[in-house]
Amino acid sequence: MAKGYWIARVDIRDAEHYKDYVAAAKPAFETYGAKFLARGGAYTLVEGDGRARNVVIEFPTYQAAVDCYNSPEYQIAAKIRQEVADGEIVVVEGI
């Protein structure tokens, strides 16, 4: 079964309250086996529009990645994130 990945690109508007999102999201990530491969850090924009923060999260399966996003636990966190940051998240299937 193929792994699943979240690819998130985020501009944080309120760094202090973004910490609330991180704390709220942690239980969902733990439940669905999330492994952070990239979280912030240096990057080089080589094409298109960029965001200040780039995150790649690996899940054991594509379905686990989708289920994590749709879980009640993560949806609470997502509401917090949407209030303090702008961004996009895509869920992709690994090869």
N, C-alpha and C. Protein backbone atom coordinates (compact mmCIF):
# COMPACT_ATOMS: atom_id res chain seq x y z
N MET A 1 0.82 -1.17 0.00
CA MET A 1 0.00 0.00 0.00
C MET A 1 0.88 1.25 0.00
N ALA A 2 0.54 2.21 -0.84
CA ALA A 2 1.35 3.43 -0.97
C ALA A 2 1.17 4.34 0.24
N LYS A 3 2.25 5.00 0.59
CA LYS A 3 2.18 6.00 1.65
C LYS A 3 1.44 7.22 1.15
N GLY A 4 1.00 8.03 2.09
CA GLY A 4 0.34 9.29 1.76
C GLY A 4 1.15 10.44 2.33
N TYR A 5 1.05 11.58 1.69
CA TYR A 5 1.81 12.76 2.10
C TYR A 5 0.93 14.00 2.09
N TRP A 6 1.11 14.82 3.09
CA TRP A 6 0.56 16.17 3.06
C TRP A 6 1.69 17.06 2.59
N ILE A 7 1.38 17.95 1.67
CA ILE A 7 2.29 19.01 1.28
C ILE A 7 1.57 20.31 1.61
N ALA A 8 2.13 21.05 2.54
CA ALA A 8 1.50 22.28 3.00
C ALA A 8 2.43 23.46 2.77
N ARG A 9 1.86 24.55 2.33
CA ARG A 9 2.59 25.80 2.13
C ARG A 9 1.83 26.88 2.90
N VAL A 10 2.51 27.58 3.80
CA VAL A 10 1.81 28.44 4.75
C VAL A 10 2.54 29.77 4.94
N ASP A 11 1.76 30.84 5.02
CA ASP A 11 2.23 32.14 5.50
C ASP A 11 1.53 32.39 6.83
N ILE A 12 2.29 32.48 7.89
CA ILE A 12 1.73 32.67 9.23
C ILE A 12 1.55 34.16 9.50
N ARG A 13 0.33 34.55 9.87
CA ARG A 13 0.03 35.94 10.20
C ARG A 13 0.21 36.23 11.68
N ASP A 14 0.02 35.23 12.53
CA ASP A 14 0.09 35.41 13.98
C ASP A 14 0.87 34.24 14.57
N ALA A 15 2.18 34.43 14.72
CA ALA A 15 3.06 33.34 15.15
C ALA A 15 2.71 32.83 16.55
N GLU A 16 2.31 33.73 17.43
CA GLU A 16 1.99 33.32 18.80
C GLU A 16 0.79 32.37 18.82
N HIS A 17 -0.25 32.70 18.09
CA HIS A 17 -1.44 31.85 18.07
C HIS A 17 -1.29 30.64 17.15
N TYR A 18 -0.33 30.67 16.26
CA TYR A 18 -0.05 29.48 15.43
C TYR A 18 0.37 28.31 16.33
N LYS A 19 0.98 28.64 17.46
CA LYS A 19 1.37 27.60 18.43
C LYS A 19 0.14 26.84 18.93
N ASP A 20 -1.01 27.52 19.01
CA ASP A 20 -2.25 26.86 19.41
C ASP A 20 -2.66 25.81 18.37
N TYR A 21 -2.48 26.15 17.10
CA TYR A 21 -2.75 25.19 16.03
C TYR A 21 -1.85 23.96 16.17
N VAL A 22 -0.57 24.19 16.35
CA VAL A 22 0.38 23.08 16.47
C VAL A 22 -0.02 22.15 17.61
N ALA A 23 -0.38 22.71 18.74
CA ALA A 23 -0.79 21.90 19.89
C ALA A 23 -2.08 21.15 19.61
N ALA A 24 -3.03 21.81 18.96
CA ALA A 24 -4.32 21.17 18.68
C ALA A 24 -4.20 20.07 17.63
N ALA A 25 -3.27 20.21 16.70
CA ALA A 25 -3.11 19.23 15.63
C ALA A 25 -2.35 17.98 16.10
N LYS A 26 -1.57 18.10 17.13
CA LYS A 26 -0.71 17.00 17.57
C LYS A 26 -1.46 15.68 17.81
N PRO A 27 -2.60 15.66 18.50
CA PRO A 27 -3.29 14.38 18.71
C PRO A 27 -3.69 13.69 17.40
N ALA A 28 -4.15 14.45 16.43
CA ALA A 28 -4.53 13.85 15.14
C ALA A 28 -3.30 13.27 14.46
N PHE A 29 -2.20 14.02 14.47
CA PHE A 29 -0.98 13.51 13.83
C PHE A 29 -0.50 12.24 14.51
N GLU A 30 -0.58 12.18 15.82
CA GLU A 30 -0.16 10.98 16.54
C GLU A 30 -1.07 9.80 16.22
N THR A 31 -2.37 10.04 16.17
CA THR A 31 -3.34 8.97 15.90
C THR A 31 -3.13 8.36 14.53
N TYR A 32 -2.81 9.18 13.54
CA TYR A 32 -2.72 8.70 12.16
C TYR A 32 -1.30 8.41 11.69
N GLY A 33 -0.35 8.40 12.60
CA GLY A 33 1.01 7.98 12.27
C GLY A 33 1.81 8.96 11.44
N ALA A 34 1.58 10.26 11.63
CA ALA A 34 2.29 11.28 10.86
C ALA A 34 3.77 11.31 11.21
N LYS A 35 4.58 11.49 10.17
CA LYS A 35 6.02 11.65 10.34
C LYS A 35 6.42 12.90 9.56
N PHE A 36 6.94 13.90 10.25
CA PHE A 36 7.32 15.14 9.59
C PHE A 36 8.65 14.95 8.87
N LEU A 37 8.65 15.20 7.56
CA LEU A 37 9.85 15.10 6.75
C LEU A 37 10.49 16.47 6.52
N ALA A 38 9.66 17.50 6.47
CA ALA A 38 10.14 18.88 6.34
C ALA A 38 9.15 19.77 7.08
N ARG A 39 9.68 20.69 7.86
CA ARG A 39 8.80 21.60 8.61
C ARG A 39 9.55 22.92 8.74
N GLY A 40 9.17 23.87 7.89
CA GLY A 40 9.89 25.15 7.90
C GLY A 40 11.28 24.94 7.30
N GLY A 41 12.23 25.64 7.79
CA GLY A 41 13.60 25.48 7.32
C GLY A 41 13.87 26.25 6.04
N ALA A 42 15.12 26.17 5.62
CA ALA A 42 15.56 26.89 4.42
C ALA A 42 14.92 26.30 3.17
N TYR A 43 14.66 27.17 2.21
CA TYR A 43 14.14 26.71 0.92
C TYR A 43 14.58 27.70 -0.15
N THR A 44 14.56 27.26 -1.37
CA THR A 44 14.86 28.10 -2.52
C THR A 44 13.67 28.04 -3.46
N LEU A 45 13.04 29.15 -3.69
CA LEU A 45 11.93 29.22 -4.62
C LEU A 45 12.50 29.24 -6.03
N VAL A 46 12.18 28.23 -6.81
CA VAL A 46 12.72 28.15 -8.16
C VAL A 46 11.68 28.40 -9.24
N GLU A 47 10.40 28.37 -8.86
CA GLU A 47 9.35 28.61 -9.84
C GLU A 47 8.03 28.88 -9.12
N GLY A 48 7.23 29.77 -9.66
CA GLY A 48 5.90 30.04 -9.13
C GLY A 48 5.91 30.90 -7.88
N ASP A 49 4.75 30.94 -7.26
CA ASP A 49 4.57 31.71 -6.03
C ASP A 49 4.99 30.86 -4.84
N GLY A 50 5.62 31.46 -3.88
CA GLY A 50 6.06 30.72 -2.70
C GLY A 50 5.34 31.18 -1.45
N ARG A 51 5.53 30.43 -0.41
CA ARG A 51 5.04 30.78 0.92
C ARG A 51 6.23 30.67 1.88
N ALA A 52 6.12 31.29 3.02
CA ALA A 52 7.24 31.36 3.97
C ALA A 52 7.54 30.03 4.65
N ARG A 53 6.54 29.17 4.80
CA ARG A 53 6.72 27.91 5.53
C ARG A 53 6.24 26.76 4.65
N ASN A 54 7.07 25.75 4.51
CA ASN A 54 6.75 24.58 3.70
C ASN A 54 6.88 23.34 4.56
N VAL A 55 5.87 22.47 4.48
CA VAL A 55 5.81 21.30 5.35
C VAL A 55 5.48 20.07 4.50
N VAL A 56 6.19 18.97 4.77
CA VAL A 56 5.88 17.69 4.14
C VAL A 56 5.72 16.69 5.27
N ILE A 57 4.55 16.03 5.30
CA ILE A 57 4.25 15.06 6.35
C ILE A 57 3.94 13.72 5.68
N GLU A 58 4.60 12.68 6.15
CA GLU A 58 4.38 11.32 5.63
C GLU A 58 3.43 10.56 6.54
N PHE A 59 2.52 9.81 5.92
CA PHE A 59 1.60 8.93 6.65
C PHE A 59 1.78 7.51 6.15
N PRO A 60 1.43 6.52 6.96
CA PRO A 60 1.64 5.13 6.56
C PRO A 60 0.90 4.75 5.27
N THR A 61 -0.25 5.39 5.03
CA THR A 61 -1.03 5.12 3.82
C THR A 61 -1.66 6.42 3.33
N TYR A 62 -2.05 6.42 2.07
CA TYR A 62 -2.77 7.57 1.52
C TYR A 62 -4.07 7.79 2.29
N GLN A 63 -4.78 6.70 2.59
CA GLN A 63 -6.05 6.82 3.30
C GLN A 63 -5.85 7.41 4.69
N ALA A 64 -4.76 7.05 5.37
CA ALA A 64 -4.48 7.63 6.69
C ALA A 64 -4.27 9.14 6.58
N ALA A 65 -3.63 9.58 5.50
CA ALA A 65 -3.41 11.01 5.29
C ALA A 65 -4.73 11.74 5.10
N VAL A 66 -5.61 11.17 4.30
CA VAL A 66 -6.93 11.77 4.06
C VAL A 66 -7.76 11.75 5.35
N ASP A 67 -7.74 10.60 6.03
CA ASP A 67 -8.52 10.47 7.26
C ASP A 67 -8.04 11.43 8.34
N CYS A 68 -6.74 11.64 8.43
CA CYS A 68 -6.21 12.58 9.41
C CYS A 68 -6.77 13.97 9.15
N TYR A 69 -6.72 14.42 7.90
CA TYR A 69 -7.23 15.75 7.59
C TYR A 69 -8.71 15.87 7.93
N ASN A 70 -9.48 14.85 7.63
CA ASN A 70 -10.92 14.88 7.84
C ASN A 70 -11.35 14.56 9.26
N SER A 71 -10.43 14.17 10.11
CA SER A 71 -10.78 13.77 11.48
C SER A 71 -11.31 14.96 12.27
N PRO A 72 -12.22 14.68 13.20
CA PRO A 72 -12.73 15.77 14.05
C PRO A 72 -11.61 16.49 14.79
N GLU A 73 -10.60 15.74 15.22
CA GLU A 73 -9.48 16.35 15.96
C GLU A 73 -8.74 17.36 15.08
N TYR A 74 -8.45 16.96 13.84
CA TYR A 74 -7.70 17.88 12.98
C TYR A 74 -8.58 19.05 12.55
N GLN A 75 -9.84 18.84 12.35
CA GLN A 75 -10.71 19.93 11.91
C GLN A 75 -10.78 21.04 12.96
N ILE A 76 -10.68 20.69 14.23
CA ILE A 76 -10.59 21.72 15.28
C ILE A 76 -9.31 22.53 15.08
N ALA A 77 -8.20 21.82 14.84
CA ALA A 77 -6.93 22.50 14.61
C ALA A 77 -6.96 23.34 13.34
N ALA A 78 -7.58 22.81 12.30
CA ALA A 78 -7.63 23.52 11.01
C ALA A 78 -8.32 24.88 11.17
N LYS A 79 -9.37 24.93 11.96
CA LYS A 79 -10.07 26.20 12.18
C LYS A 79 -9.14 27.23 12.83
N ILE A 80 -8.33 26.77 13.77
CA ILE A 80 -7.36 27.66 14.40
C ILE A 80 -6.35 28.14 13.36
N ARG A 81 -5.81 27.21 12.57
CA ARG A 81 -4.82 27.56 11.54
C ARG A 81 -5.38 28.58 10.56
N GLN A 82 -6.60 28.37 10.13
CA GLN A 82 -7.20 29.26 9.14
C GLN A 82 -7.42 30.67 9.68
N GLU A 83 -7.51 30.82 10.99
CA GLU A 83 -7.65 32.14 11.59
C GLU A 83 -6.33 32.90 11.68
N VAL A 84 -5.21 32.18 11.70
CA VAL A 84 -3.92 32.82 11.94
C VAL A 84 -2.91 32.66 10.80
N ALA A 85 -3.31 31.96 9.73
CA ALA A 85 -2.37 31.73 8.63
C ALA A 85 -3.12 31.56 7.32
N ASP A 86 -2.42 31.79 6.22
CA ASP A 86 -2.94 31.54 4.88
C ASP A 86 -2.10 30.44 4.26
N GLY A 87 -2.74 29.56 3.51
CA GLY A 87 -1.95 28.51 2.89
C GLY A 87 -2.77 27.50 2.14
N GLU A 88 -2.09 26.49 1.68
CA GLU A 88 -2.69 25.39 0.95
C GLU A 88 -2.15 24.08 1.51
N ILE A 89 -2.98 23.05 1.46
CA ILE A 89 -2.55 21.70 1.80
C ILE A 89 -3.08 20.78 0.70
N VAL A 90 -2.21 19.93 0.19
CA VAL A 90 -2.65 18.88 -0.72
C VAL A 90 -2.25 17.54 -0.12
N VAL A 91 -3.07 16.53 -0.36
CA VAL A 91 -2.74 15.17 0.04
C VAL A 91 -2.41 14.41 -1.23
N VAL A 92 -1.22 13.79 -1.26
CA VAL A 92 -0.79 13.07 -2.45
C VAL A 92 -0.43 11.63 -2.07
N GLU A 93 -0.61 10.75 -3.04
CA GLU A 93 -0.25 9.35 -2.87
C GLU A 93 1.20 9.15 -3.28
N GLY A 94 1.95 8.41 -2.47
CA GLY A 94 3.33 8.11 -2.79
C GLY A 94 3.44 7.04 -3.85
N ILE A 95 4.66 6.83 -4.32
CA ILE A 95 4.89 5.80 -5.33
C ILE A 95 5.61 4.61 -4.74
